[in-house]
């Protein structure tokens, strides 16, 4: 999980920065990110496992790399969305100050933009680390054809415990997860949160600053100073380095930007037409129009579920996140609890849900729906807490001095302040909910199987039947719904946050 986190950070710093800095690249990279977060996690594993195993025939290294990659696909997307949103909302005066001091683009990124984006990124790292526990349970037990690979780890333990219906073993795994979460909370994330407090843009320090005993130990450690000094010197040297352009920069400036835009969008259009042609050829040979109509109709049902559940989760966790974020002492208590709840494998609750629905003869279409948002609602809570903790002291004091209270305080102070962070949490929660619908709309415990109507159940059913054409159709329809939903709603909210709600 730590290796996957390191790869996710490298992906975030490169991919999200490219999308935020280059408008032309953003037109392709941001929709692609929408699609990647909606593709089922197990689809990545089923496609890449053979390639990873071929890297080291007869050895376990290939399976380990496949496991790390699967966890990466569950961690990277919300971190990239968070960093992208932060780069879009960097205060203009900070950027102008960097130019006035003669900082290069590289130096401005590491001295201004990355520090500004660090606090919300750390909170999304917590969420990614916690969410990785669920993917460990499905990526450490790998099945390829007739070959089954069980990697050593808590995920394989949980998979075997579920297969044998061994409840004591499941509780032992949960306890072990709690211990590990408390350890890396104390040694990694709590120090990071306390360290990132230095990047607040307030002119006055907060009265109740986050603290960490581990951070105090790290700061006093001579060994860490020796290990980090070469890296620090290298970074300081790189701030003064201007890579040669070999005349390309001047030549680029001479090109009319409108012509470049036309060529770029023409290229994207041609690629889209080529992809549509190949998809049509595949669908015409294997599918009928009735299959498309069925998949589209089921997608509408799942979309309604996701919209209603995200709205309910937002109404519940937004005020709770604001209440927690305004009280640093409470934040320090809630942080590990929220990490554990986000890390709790939701599939362990599926047997309980099946038992209650069968016992009370409930409608699966309604009562299986909460399982979709069970593990993704924490994205909203984490991001709202992160946005609230970043609220400047000056803004709080101004609201107090002008006696801004109650509904007016929510409308004019806190909601605009946390809006960019909330959008990041909501868009990742919605994407994760689409993904979770595949396992939440069809739930099995023993000989009892409950199914809700929706595109997730459609994909699960066709996967069990081995119908490759309809599996591809279901995933394609799901991705198109996510892409359209994000472009029509979430992307407009992103632009609103970037243009009207900047901290200028």
Protein backbone atom coordinates (compact mmCIF):
# COMPACT_ATOMS: atom_id res chain seq x y z
CA UNK A 1 0.00 0.00 0.00
CA UNK A 2 2.90 2.37 0.71
CA UNK A 3 4.49 1.53 -2.64
CA UNK A 4 1.17 2.23 -4.36
CA UNK A 5 0.95 5.52 -2.47
CA UNK A 6 4.41 6.56 -3.72
CA UNK A 7 3.43 5.74 -7.31
CA UNK A 8 0.14 7.61 -6.85
CA UNK A 9 2.01 10.72 -5.67
CA UNK A 10 4.30 10.61 -8.72
CA UNK A 11 1.24 10.22 -10.95
CA UNK A 12 -0.55 13.08 -9.17
CA UNK A 13 2.32 15.57 -9.46
CA UNK A 14 2.79 14.86 -13.17
CA UNK A 15 -0.70 14.10 -14.52
CA UNK A 16 -2.71 16.66 -12.51
CA UNK A 17 -0.13 19.41 -13.11
CA UNK A 18 -0.13 18.78 -16.85
CA UNK A 19 -3.94 18.88 -16.93
CA UNK A 20 -4.10 22.11 -14.88
CA UNK A 21 -1.28 23.95 -16.65
CA UNK A 22 -2.07 23.05 -20.25
CA UNK A 23 -5.67 23.81 -21.30
CA UNK A 24 -5.34 21.74 -24.47
CA UNK A 25 -4.03 18.72 -22.58
CA UNK A 26 -6.71 19.25 -19.94
CA UNK A 27 -9.47 18.75 -22.51
CA UNK A 28 -8.20 15.17 -22.90
CA UNK A 29 -6.64 14.36 -19.52
CA UNK A 30 -9.55 15.43 -17.28
CA UNK A 31 -12.24 13.40 -19.13
CA UNK A 32 -9.78 10.49 -19.24
CA UNK A 33 -9.41 10.77 -15.47
CA UNK A 34 -13.21 10.69 -15.17
CA UNK A 35 -13.28 7.46 -17.16
CA UNK A 36 -10.39 5.86 -15.26
CA UNK A 37 -12.04 6.40 -11.88
CA UNK A 38 -15.28 4.85 -13.12
CA UNK A 39 -13.71 1.71 -14.63
CA UNK A 40 -14.15 -1.21 -12.18
CA UNK A 41 -10.99 -1.91 -10.22
CA UNK A 42 -11.05 -5.61 -11.06
CA UNK A 43 -11.06 -4.72 -14.76
CA UNK A 44 -7.57 -3.26 -14.38
CA UNK A 45 -6.39 -6.43 -12.67
CA UNK A 46 -7.94 -8.78 -15.23
CA UNK A 47 -6.30 -6.88 -18.10
CA UNK A 48 -2.83 -6.35 -16.61
CA UNK A 49 -2.25 -9.48 -14.50
CA UNK A 50 -0.95 -11.56 -17.42
CA UNK A 51 1.51 -8.83 -18.39
CA UNK A 52 2.79 -8.44 -14.83
CA UNK A 53 3.19 -12.20 -14.41
CA UNK A 54 5.17 -12.34 -17.65
CA UNK A 55 7.73 -9.94 -16.20
CA UNK A 56 8.97 -12.61 -13.79
CA UNK A 57 7.89 -16.10 -14.93
CA UNK A 58 7.69 -18.55 -12.08
CA UNK A 59 8.26 -15.88 -9.45
CA UNK A 60 5.93 -14.05 -7.09
CA UNK A 61 7.30 -10.62 -8.07
CA UNK A 62 4.88 -10.27 -10.99
CA UNK A 63 1.88 -10.97 -8.78
CA UNK A 64 3.18 -8.48 -6.20
CA UNK A 65 3.50 -5.80 -8.89
CA UNK A 66 -0.02 -6.57 -10.10
CA UNK A 67 -1.30 -6.17 -6.55
CA UNK A 68 0.49 -2.83 -6.14
CA UNK A 69 -0.91 -1.64 -9.47
CA UNK A 70 -4.45 -2.60 -8.46
CA UNK A 71 -4.14 -0.66 -5.19
CA UNK A 72 -2.70 2.26 -7.18
CA UNK A 73 -5.82 2.36 -9.36
CA UNK A 74 -7.86 2.74 -6.16
CA UNK A 75 -5.68 5.50 -4.72
CA UNK A 76 -4.53 7.77 -7.54
CA UNK A 77 -7.69 9.26 -9.02
CA UNK A 78 -9.01 11.24 -6.05
CA UNK A 79 -5.48 12.48 -5.24
CA UNK A 80 -5.12 13.70 -8.82
CA UNK A 81 -8.53 15.41 -8.70
CA UNK A 82 -7.61 17.14 -5.43
CA UNK A 83 -4.27 18.41 -6.74
CA UNK A 84 -5.83 19.51 -10.03
CA UNK A 85 -8.53 21.48 -8.23
CA UNK A 86 -5.97 23.14 -5.92
CA UNK A 87 -3.76 24.19 -8.83
CA UNK A 88 -6.80 25.74 -10.52
CA UNK A 89 -7.53 27.87 -7.44
CA UNK A 90 -4.07 29.14 -6.45
CA UNK A 91 -4.47 32.82 -5.47
CA UNK A 92 -3.25 35.08 -8.27
CA UNK A 93 -1.27 37.30 -5.90
CA UNK A 94 0.91 34.33 -4.92
CA UNK A 95 1.68 33.60 -8.56
CA UNK A 96 2.47 37.27 -9.23
CA UNK A 97 4.75 37.38 -6.18
CA UNK A 98 6.66 34.41 -7.58
CA UNK A 99 7.13 36.16 -10.92
CA UNK A 100 8.24 39.38 -9.19
CA UNK A 101 10.92 37.43 -7.31
CA UNK A 102 12.14 35.94 -10.59
CA UNK A 103 11.13 32.35 -9.84
CA UNK A 104 11.11 30.00 -12.78
CA UNK A 105 8.03 27.89 -13.51
CA UNK A 106 9.73 24.93 -11.80
CA UNK A 107 10.51 27.00 -8.70
CA UNK A 108 7.01 28.50 -8.58
CA UNK A 109 5.54 25.01 -8.65
CA UNK A 110 7.56 23.69 -5.70
CA UNK A 111 7.70 26.92 -3.67
CA UNK A 112 4.13 28.22 -4.20
CA UNK A 113 1.69 25.92 -5.98
CA UNK A 114 2.59 22.55 -4.45
CA UNK A 115 2.64 23.95 -0.87
CA UNK A 116 -0.75 25.60 -1.46
CA UNK A 117 -2.16 22.24 -2.62
CA UNK A 118 -0.50 20.17 0.12
CA UNK A 119 -3.10 20.34 2.96
CA UNK A 120 -6.06 19.01 0.90
CA UNK A 121 -3.75 16.54 -0.83
CA UNK A 122 -2.72 15.06 2.53
CA UNK A 123 -6.35 14.54 3.52
CA UNK A 124 -7.01 12.80 0.21
CA UNK A 125 -3.91 10.68 0.78
CA UNK A 126 -5.51 9.53 4.03
CA UNK A 127 -8.68 8.66 2.16
CA UNK A 128 -6.72 6.82 -0.53
CA UNK A 129 -4.74 4.87 2.04
CA UNK A 130 -7.91 3.89 3.85
CA UNK A 131 -9.72 3.01 0.64
CA UNK A 132 -6.76 0.85 -0.34
CA UNK A 133 -7.71 -1.65 2.37
CA UNK A 134 -10.79 -2.67 0.41
CA UNK A 135 -8.76 -3.23 -2.76
CA UNK A 136 -6.19 -5.26 -0.82
CA UNK A 137 -8.91 -7.80 -0.09
CA UNK A 138 -9.50 -8.34 -3.82
CA UNK A 139 -5.94 -7.88 -5.15
CA UNK A 140 -3.95 -10.15 -2.83
CA UNK A 141 -6.02 -13.18 -3.88
CA UNK A 142 -5.50 -13.37 -7.66
CA UNK A 143 -7.18 -15.84 -10.01
CA UNK A 144 -6.04 -16.20 -13.64
CA UNK A 145 -7.69 -19.06 -15.46
CA UNK A 146 -6.94 -22.19 -13.46
CA UNK A 147 -4.14 -20.48 -11.52
CA UNK A 148 -4.86 -19.05 -8.08
CA UNK A 149 -2.28 -16.86 -6.34
CA UNK A 150 -2.66 -15.86 -2.70
CA UNK A 151 -0.11 -13.26 -1.67
CA UNK A 152 0.84 -12.99 2.00
CA UNK A 153 -1.18 -10.23 3.60
CA UNK A 154 -4.33 -9.30 5.44
CA UNK A 155 -6.30 -9.18 2.18
CA UNK A 156 -5.74 -12.88 1.52
CA UNK A 157 -6.63 -13.60 5.14
CA UNK A 158 -9.99 -11.81 4.75
CA UNK A 159 -10.69 -13.55 1.42
CA UNK A 160 -10.12 -16.98 2.96
CA UNK A 161 -12.18 -16.05 6.04
CA UNK A 162 -15.12 -14.96 3.87
CA UNK A 163 -14.87 -18.14 1.78
CA UNK A 164 -15.02 -20.27 4.94
CA UNK A 165 -17.57 -18.01 6.73
CA UNK A 166 -15.14 -17.72 9.63
CA UNK A 167 -16.41 -14.76 11.63
CA UNK A 168 -13.69 -14.91 14.36
CA UNK A 169 -11.00 -14.69 11.68
CA UNK A 170 -12.76 -11.69 10.14
CA UNK A 171 -12.87 -9.91 13.51
CA UNK A 172 -9.17 -10.68 14.03
CA UNK A 173 -8.42 -9.10 10.63
CA UNK A 174 -10.46 -6.02 11.52
CA UNK A 175 -8.55 -5.67 14.79
CA UNK A 176 -5.23 -5.99 12.94
CA UNK A 177 -6.34 -3.29 10.48
CA UNK A 178 -7.24 -0.98 13.35
CA UNK A 179 -3.79 -1.42 14.92
CA UNK A 180 -2.01 -0.74 11.62
CA UNK A 181 -4.19 2.31 10.91
CA UNK A 182 -3.35 3.76 14.34
CA UNK A 183 0.36 3.15 13.70
CA UNK A 184 0.57 4.90 10.34
CA UNK A 185 -1.77 7.63 11.57
CA UNK A 186 0.68 8.44 14.36
CA UNK A 187 3.88 7.98 12.36
CA UNK A 188 2.83 9.30 8.95
CA UNK A 189 -0.40 11.24 8.53
CA UNK A 190 -0.61 13.10 11.83
CA UNK A 191 2.96 14.45 11.34
CA UNK A 192 2.06 15.41 7.76
CA UNK A 193 -1.06 17.30 8.89
CA UNK A 194 0.93 19.17 11.55
CA UNK A 195 3.75 19.90 9.09
CA UNK A 196 1.32 21.13 6.38
CA UNK A 197 -0.10 23.73 8.78
CA UNK A 198 2.89 25.90 7.86
CA UNK A 199 1.45 26.30 4.35
CA UNK A 200 -1.68 28.14 5.45
CA UNK A 201 -2.04 31.49 3.71
CA UNK A 202 -3.05 33.30 6.91
CA UNK A 203 -1.09 36.30 8.09
CA UNK A 204 -1.81 35.12 11.64
CA UNK A 205 -1.25 31.67 13.08
CA UNK A 206 -4.13 29.57 14.32
CA UNK A 207 -4.68 29.57 18.06
CA UNK A 208 -4.90 25.77 18.21
CA UNK A 209 -2.28 24.43 15.84
CA UNK A 210 -2.10 20.69 15.10
CA UNK A 211 0.62 18.90 16.97
CA UNK A 212 2.46 15.61 16.55
CA UNK A 213 4.97 13.97 18.84
CA UNK A 214 6.36 12.04 15.87
CA UNK A 215 6.98 15.28 13.95
CA UNK A 216 8.94 16.64 16.92
CA UNK A 217 11.06 13.48 16.90
CA UNK A 218 11.64 13.73 13.13
CA UNK A 219 12.71 17.37 13.44
CA UNK A 220 15.27 16.51 16.12
CA UNK A 221 16.63 13.48 14.30
CA UNK A 222 20.20 13.93 13.02
CA UNK A 223 19.86 10.82 10.88
CA UNK A 224 16.94 12.29 8.92
CA UNK A 225 18.90 15.55 8.49
CA UNK A 226 21.81 13.62 6.99
CA UNK A 227 19.52 11.64 4.68
CA UNK A 228 17.47 14.62 3.47
CA UNK A 229 20.23 17.25 3.14
CA UNK A 230 21.43 16.06 -0.35
CA UNK A 231 17.85 16.10 -1.63
CA UNK A 232 17.23 19.58 -0.19
CA UNK A 233 20.42 20.93 -1.77
CA UNK A 234 19.53 19.39 -5.10
CA UNK A 235 16.08 21.00 -5.00
CA UNK A 236 17.54 24.41 -4.12
CA UNK A 237 19.97 24.10 -7.02
CA UNK A 238 17.15 23.15 -9.40
CA UNK A 239 15.27 26.39 -8.58
CA UNK A 240 18.00 28.36 -10.38
CA UNK A 241 18.21 26.03 -13.35
CA UNK A 242 16.50 27.11 -16.55
CA UNK A 243 16.39 24.31 -19.12
CA UNK A 244 17.49 25.35 -22.63
CA UNK A 245 14.69 25.77 -25.13
CA UNK A 246 16.88 25.37 -28.25
CA UNK A 247 14.79 28.06 -29.92
CA UNK A 248 11.55 26.06 -29.60
CA UNK A 249 9.99 28.50 -27.15
CA UNK A 250 10.40 31.46 -29.50
CA UNK A 251 9.15 29.42 -32.43
CA UNK A 252 6.12 28.32 -30.44
CA UNK A 253 5.21 31.91 -29.62
CA UNK A 254 5.10 32.73 -33.31
CA UNK A 255 2.43 30.11 -33.96
CA UNK A 256 -1.09 31.46 -33.81
CA UNK A 257 -2.74 29.89 -30.77
CA UNK A 258 -6.03 29.64 -32.61
CA UNK A 259 -4.42 27.50 -35.30
CA UNK A 260 -2.87 25.31 -32.62
CA UNK A 261 -6.24 24.92 -30.95
CA UNK A 262 -7.87 23.97 -34.24
CA UNK A 263 -5.19 21.37 -34.98
CA UNK A 264 -5.41 19.93 -31.47
CA UNK A 265 -9.19 19.59 -31.46
CA UNK A 266 -9.10 18.23 -34.99
CA UNK A 267 -6.71 15.54 -33.82
CA UNK A 268 -8.98 14.70 -30.87
CA UNK A 269 -11.97 14.56 -33.22
CA UNK A 270 -10.19 12.17 -35.59
CA UNK A 271 -9.17 9.94 -32.70
CA UNK A 272 -12.76 9.97 -31.46
CA UNK A 273 -14.12 9.04 -34.89
CA UNK A 274 -11.60 6.21 -35.21
CA UNK A 275 -12.56 4.89 -31.77
CA UNK A 276 -16.27 5.14 -32.62
CA UNK A 277 -15.67 3.24 -35.87
CA UNK A 278 -13.86 0.41 -34.07
CA UNK A 279 -16.52 0.25 -31.36
CA UNK A 280 -19.29 0.14 -33.96
CA UNK A 281 -17.58 -2.72 -35.78
CA UNK A 282 -17.23 -4.69 -32.55
CA UNK A 283 -20.79 -3.97 -31.40
CA UNK A 284 -22.35 -4.71 -34.80
CA UNK A 285 -20.78 -8.16 -34.84
CA UNK A 286 -21.67 -9.15 -31.27
CA UNK A 287 -24.61 -7.04 -30.05
CA UNK A 288 -28.07 -5.83 -30.98
CA UNK A 289 -29.76 -2.48 -30.57
CA UNK A 290 -31.94 -3.99 -27.85
CA UNK A 291 -28.79 -4.70 -25.82
CA UNK A 292 -27.81 -1.05 -26.03
CA UNK A 293 -31.30 0.06 -24.99
CA UNK A 294 -31.25 -2.31 -22.01
CA UNK A 295 -27.83 -1.11 -20.85
CA UNK A 296 -28.77 2.56 -21.24
CA UNK A 297 -32.01 2.08 -19.29
CA UNK A 298 -30.21 0.26 -16.48
CA UNK A 299 -27.62 3.04 -16.42
CA UNK A 300 -30.39 5.59 -15.81
CA UNK A 301 -31.58 3.64 -12.76
CA UNK A 302 -28.07 3.46 -11.29
CA UNK A 303 -27.53 7.14 -12.05
CA UNK A 304 -30.64 8.06 -10.05
CA UNK A 305 -29.37 5.94 -7.16
CA UNK A 306 -25.96 7.62 -7.23
CA UNK A 307 -27.42 11.15 -7.42
CA UNK A 308 -29.82 10.56 -4.51
CA UNK A 309 -27.18 8.88 -2.35
CA UNK A 310 -24.55 11.58 -2.98
CA UNK A 311 -27.13 14.27 -2.12
CA UNK A 312 -28.01 12.49 1.13
CA UNK A 313 -24.34 11.94 2.00
CA UNK A 314 -23.58 15.61 1.29
CA UNK A 315 -26.45 16.76 3.52
CA UNK A 316 -25.20 14.54 6.35
CA UNK A 317 -21.42 14.86 6.19
CA UNK A 318 -20.99 18.48 5.10
CA UNK A 319 -22.24 20.01 8.40
CA UNK A 320 -20.42 17.30 10.38
CA UNK A 321 -17.19 17.97 8.50
CA UNK A 322 -17.52 21.71 9.08
CA UNK A 323 -18.17 21.16 12.80
CA UNK A 324 -15.13 18.90 13.12
CA UNK A 325 -12.86 21.06 10.95
CA UNK A 326 -13.54 24.20 13.02
CA UNK A 327 -12.30 22.41 16.16
CA UNK A 328 -8.68 21.22 15.76
CA UNK A 329 -8.75 19.26 18.99
CA UNK A 330 -11.82 17.34 17.77
CA UNK A 331 -10.20 16.89 14.36
CA UNK A 332 -7.28 15.08 15.95
CA UNK A 333 -9.71 12.68 17.63
CA UNK A 334 -11.92 12.13 14.58
CA UNK A 335 -9.03 11.67 12.13
CA UNK A 336 -8.06 8.06 13.05
CA UNK A 337 -11.71 7.07 13.56
CA UNK A 338 -12.66 8.34 10.11
CA UNK A 339 -9.65 6.57 8.60
CA UNK A 340 -10.74 3.29 10.17
CA UNK A 341 -14.35 3.70 8.98
CA UNK A 342 -13.13 4.51 5.47
CA UNK A 343 -10.78 1.51 5.56
CA UNK A 344 -13.40 -0.93 6.80
CA UNK A 345 -14.02 -3.49 4.01
CA UNK A 346 -17.64 -2.90 3.11
CA UNK A 347 -18.04 -6.39 1.72
CA UNK A 348 -17.92 -7.64 5.32
CA UNK A 349 -21.27 -5.91 5.89
CA UNK A 350 -22.93 -7.51 2.87
CA UNK A 351 -23.94 -10.71 4.78
CA UNK A 352 -25.66 -8.57 7.42
CA UNK A 353 -27.50 -6.62 4.71
CA UNK A 354 -28.62 -9.83 3.00
CA UNK A 355 -29.84 -11.31 6.29
CA UNK A 356 -31.87 -8.24 7.24
CA UNK A 357 -33.43 -7.84 3.78
CA UNK A 358 -34.46 -11.50 3.72
CA UNK A 359 -35.66 -11.45 7.34
CA UNK A 360 -37.89 -8.41 6.88
CA UNK A 361 -38.77 -9.13 3.22
CA UNK A 362 -37.51 -5.75 2.01
CA UNK A 363 -37.19 -4.51 -1.57
CA UNK A 364 -33.58 -5.09 -2.79
CA UNK A 365 -33.87 -2.23 -5.30
CA UNK A 366 -34.18 0.18 -2.37
CA UNK A 367 -32.31 -1.39 0.51
CA UNK A 368 -29.24 -2.56 -1.42
CA UNK A 369 -28.72 1.00 -2.63
CA UNK A 370 -27.02 2.32 0.56
CA UNK A 371 -24.23 -0.22 0.02
CA UNK A 372 -23.19 1.79 -3.06
CA UNK A 373 -22.21 4.86 -1.05
CA UNK A 374 -21.14 3.04 2.11
CA UNK A 375 -17.44 3.25 1.32
CA UNK A 376 -17.37 6.38 -0.84
CA UNK A 377 -19.19 8.84 1.44
CA UNK A 378 -15.96 9.38 3.38
CA UNK A 379 -14.48 11.28 0.42
CA UNK A 380 -16.99 14.03 1.16
CA UNK A 381 -16.22 14.06 4.89
CA UNK A 382 -12.44 14.11 4.44
CA UNK A 383 -12.50 16.89 1.86
CA UNK A 384 -14.95 19.04 3.83
CA UNK A 385 -12.74 18.71 6.93
CA UNK A 386 -9.70 19.62 4.83
CA UNK A 387 -11.45 22.68 3.36
CA UNK A 388 -12.67 23.81 6.77
CA UNK A 389 -9.27 23.49 8.44
CA UNK A 390 -7.83 25.65 5.66
CA UNK A 391 -10.25 28.50 6.49
CA UNK A 392 -8.18 31.58 7.22
CA UNK A 393 -8.14 33.14 10.66
CA UNK A 394 -8.82 36.58 9.14
CA UNK A 395 -12.03 35.35 7.53
CA UNK A 396 -13.24 33.85 10.80
CA UNK A 397 -12.48 37.06 12.71
CA UNK A 398 -14.17 39.19 10.05
CA UNK A 399 -17.32 37.07 10.28
CA UNK A 400 -17.30 37.43 14.07
CA UNK A 401 -16.75 41.20 13.95
CA UNK A 402 -19.63 41.69 11.52
CA UNK A 403 -21.85 39.34 13.56
CA UNK A 404 -22.40 36.99 10.62
CA UNK A 405 -24.24 34.03 12.09
CA UNK A 406 -26.43 31.05 11.29
CA UNK A 407 -27.82 30.82 7.75
CA UNK A 408 -26.00 33.94 6.54
CA UNK A 409 -22.70 32.52 7.87
CA UNK A 410 -23.28 29.31 5.94
CA UNK A 411 -24.19 31.12 2.73
CA UNK A 412 -21.55 33.87 2.77
CA UNK A 413 -18.62 32.40 4.70
CA UNK A 414 -18.23 28.67 5.12
CA UNK A 415 -19.91 27.23 2.00
CA UNK A 416 -17.94 29.43 -0.45
CA UNK A 417 -14.75 28.66 1.51
CA UNK A 418 -15.15 24.88 1.44
CA UNK A 419 -16.81 24.70 -1.99
CA UNK A 420 -13.69 23.71 -4.00
CA UNK A 421 -12.82 21.00 -1.49
CA UNK A 422 -16.41 19.74 -1.41
CA UNK A 423 -16.54 19.46 -5.20
CA UNK A 424 -13.38 17.36 -5.14
CA UNK A 425 -14.88 15.06 -2.52
CA UNK A 426 -18.25 14.82 -4.25
CA UNK A 427 -16.85 14.04 -7.69
CA UNK A 428 -14.60 11.28 -6.34
CA UNK A 429 -17.44 9.93 -4.18
CA UNK A 430 -19.75 9.84 -7.20
CA UNK A 431 -17.14 8.07 -9.34
CA UNK A 432 -16.47 5.56 -6.59
CA UNK A 433 -20.20 4.95 -6.17
CA UNK A 434 -20.55 4.07 -9.85
CA UNK A 435 -17.66 1.67 -9.38
CA UNK A 436 -19.11 0.19 -6.19
CA UNK A 437 -22.48 -0.46 -7.87
CA UNK A 438 -20.99 -3.55 -9.51
CA UNK A 439 -20.55 -5.32 -6.16
CA UNK A 440 -23.41 -3.60 -4.29
CA UNK A 441 -26.26 -4.29 -6.72
CA UNK A 442 -25.61 -8.03 -6.59
CA UNK A 443 -24.92 -9.36 -3.09
CA UNK A 444 -24.40 -13.00 -2.14
CA UNK A 445 -24.03 -14.76 1.19
CA UNK A 446 -24.01 -18.53 1.14
CA UNK A 447 -26.81 -19.80 -1.08
CA UNK A 448 -28.76 -16.51 -0.96
CA UNK A 449 -28.30 -13.95 -3.74
CA UNK A 450 -30.05 -10.57 -3.88
CA UNK A 451 -30.02 -8.44 -7.01
CA UNK A 452 -31.06 -4.83 -7.58
CA UNK A 453 -31.92 -3.45 -11.00
CA UNK A 454 -29.08 -1.38 -12.44
CA UNK A 455 -26.01 -1.28 -14.67
CA UNK A 456 -23.82 -2.64 -11.86
CA UNK A 457 -25.89 -5.81 -11.57
CA UNK A 458 -25.85 -6.05 -15.39
CA UNK A 459 -22.05 -6.02 -15.44
CA UNK A 460 -21.83 -8.51 -12.56
CA UNK A 461 -24.32 -10.86 -14.27
CA UNK A 462 -22.59 -10.78 -17.67
CA UNK A 463 -19.20 -11.22 -15.97
CA UNK A 464 -20.43 -14.35 -14.20
CA UNK A 465 -21.74 -15.64 -17.54
CA UNK A 466 -18.45 -14.87 -19.31
CA UNK A 467 -20.22 -12.73 -21.95
CA UNK A 468 -17.31 -10.55 -23.04
CA UNK A 469 -19.30 -8.42 -25.50
CA UNK A 470 -21.95 -7.41 -22.96
CA UNK A 471 -19.33 -6.90 -20.25
CA UNK A 472 -17.65 -4.39 -22.55
CA UNK A 473 -21.03 -2.80 -23.34
CA UNK A 474 -21.91 -2.42 -19.65
CA UNK A 475 -18.54 -0.89 -18.75
CA UNK A 476 -18.71 1.44 -21.78
CA UNK A 477 -22.21 2.65 -20.85
CA UNK A 478 -21.15 3.14 -17.23
CA UNK A 479 -18.11 5.18 -18.31
CA UNK A 480 -20.20 7.31 -20.69
CA UNK A 481 -22.70 8.09 -17.93
CA UNK A 482 -19.89 9.10 -15.57
CA UNK A 483 -18.26 11.22 -18.25
CA UNK A 484 -21.51 12.98 -19.19
CA UNK A 485 -22.46 13.50 -15.53
CA UNK A 486 -19.06 14.98 -14.73
CA UNK A 487 -19.01 17.25 -17.76
CA UNK A 488 -22.53 18.57 -17.24
CA UNK A 489 -22.38 19.02 -13.46
CA UNK A 490 -19.08 18.53 -11.68
CA UNK A 491 -16.89 20.22 -14.29
CA UNK A 492 -19.07 23.33 -14.21
CA UNK A 493 -18.78 23.37 -10.43
CA UNK A 494 -15.00 23.04 -10.77
CA UNK A 495 -14.93 26.03 -13.11
CA UNK A 496 -17.13 28.00 -10.71
CA UNK A 497 -14.72 27.24 -7.88
CA UNK A 498 -11.73 28.24 -9.98
CA UNK A 499 -13.18 31.48 -11.40
CA UNK A 500 -15.46 32.96 -8.73
CA UNK A 501 -14.33 31.44 -5.45
CA UNK A 502 -10.55 31.98 -5.61
CA UNK A 503 -8.93 33.26 -2.44
CA UNK A 504 -7.76 36.47 -4.13
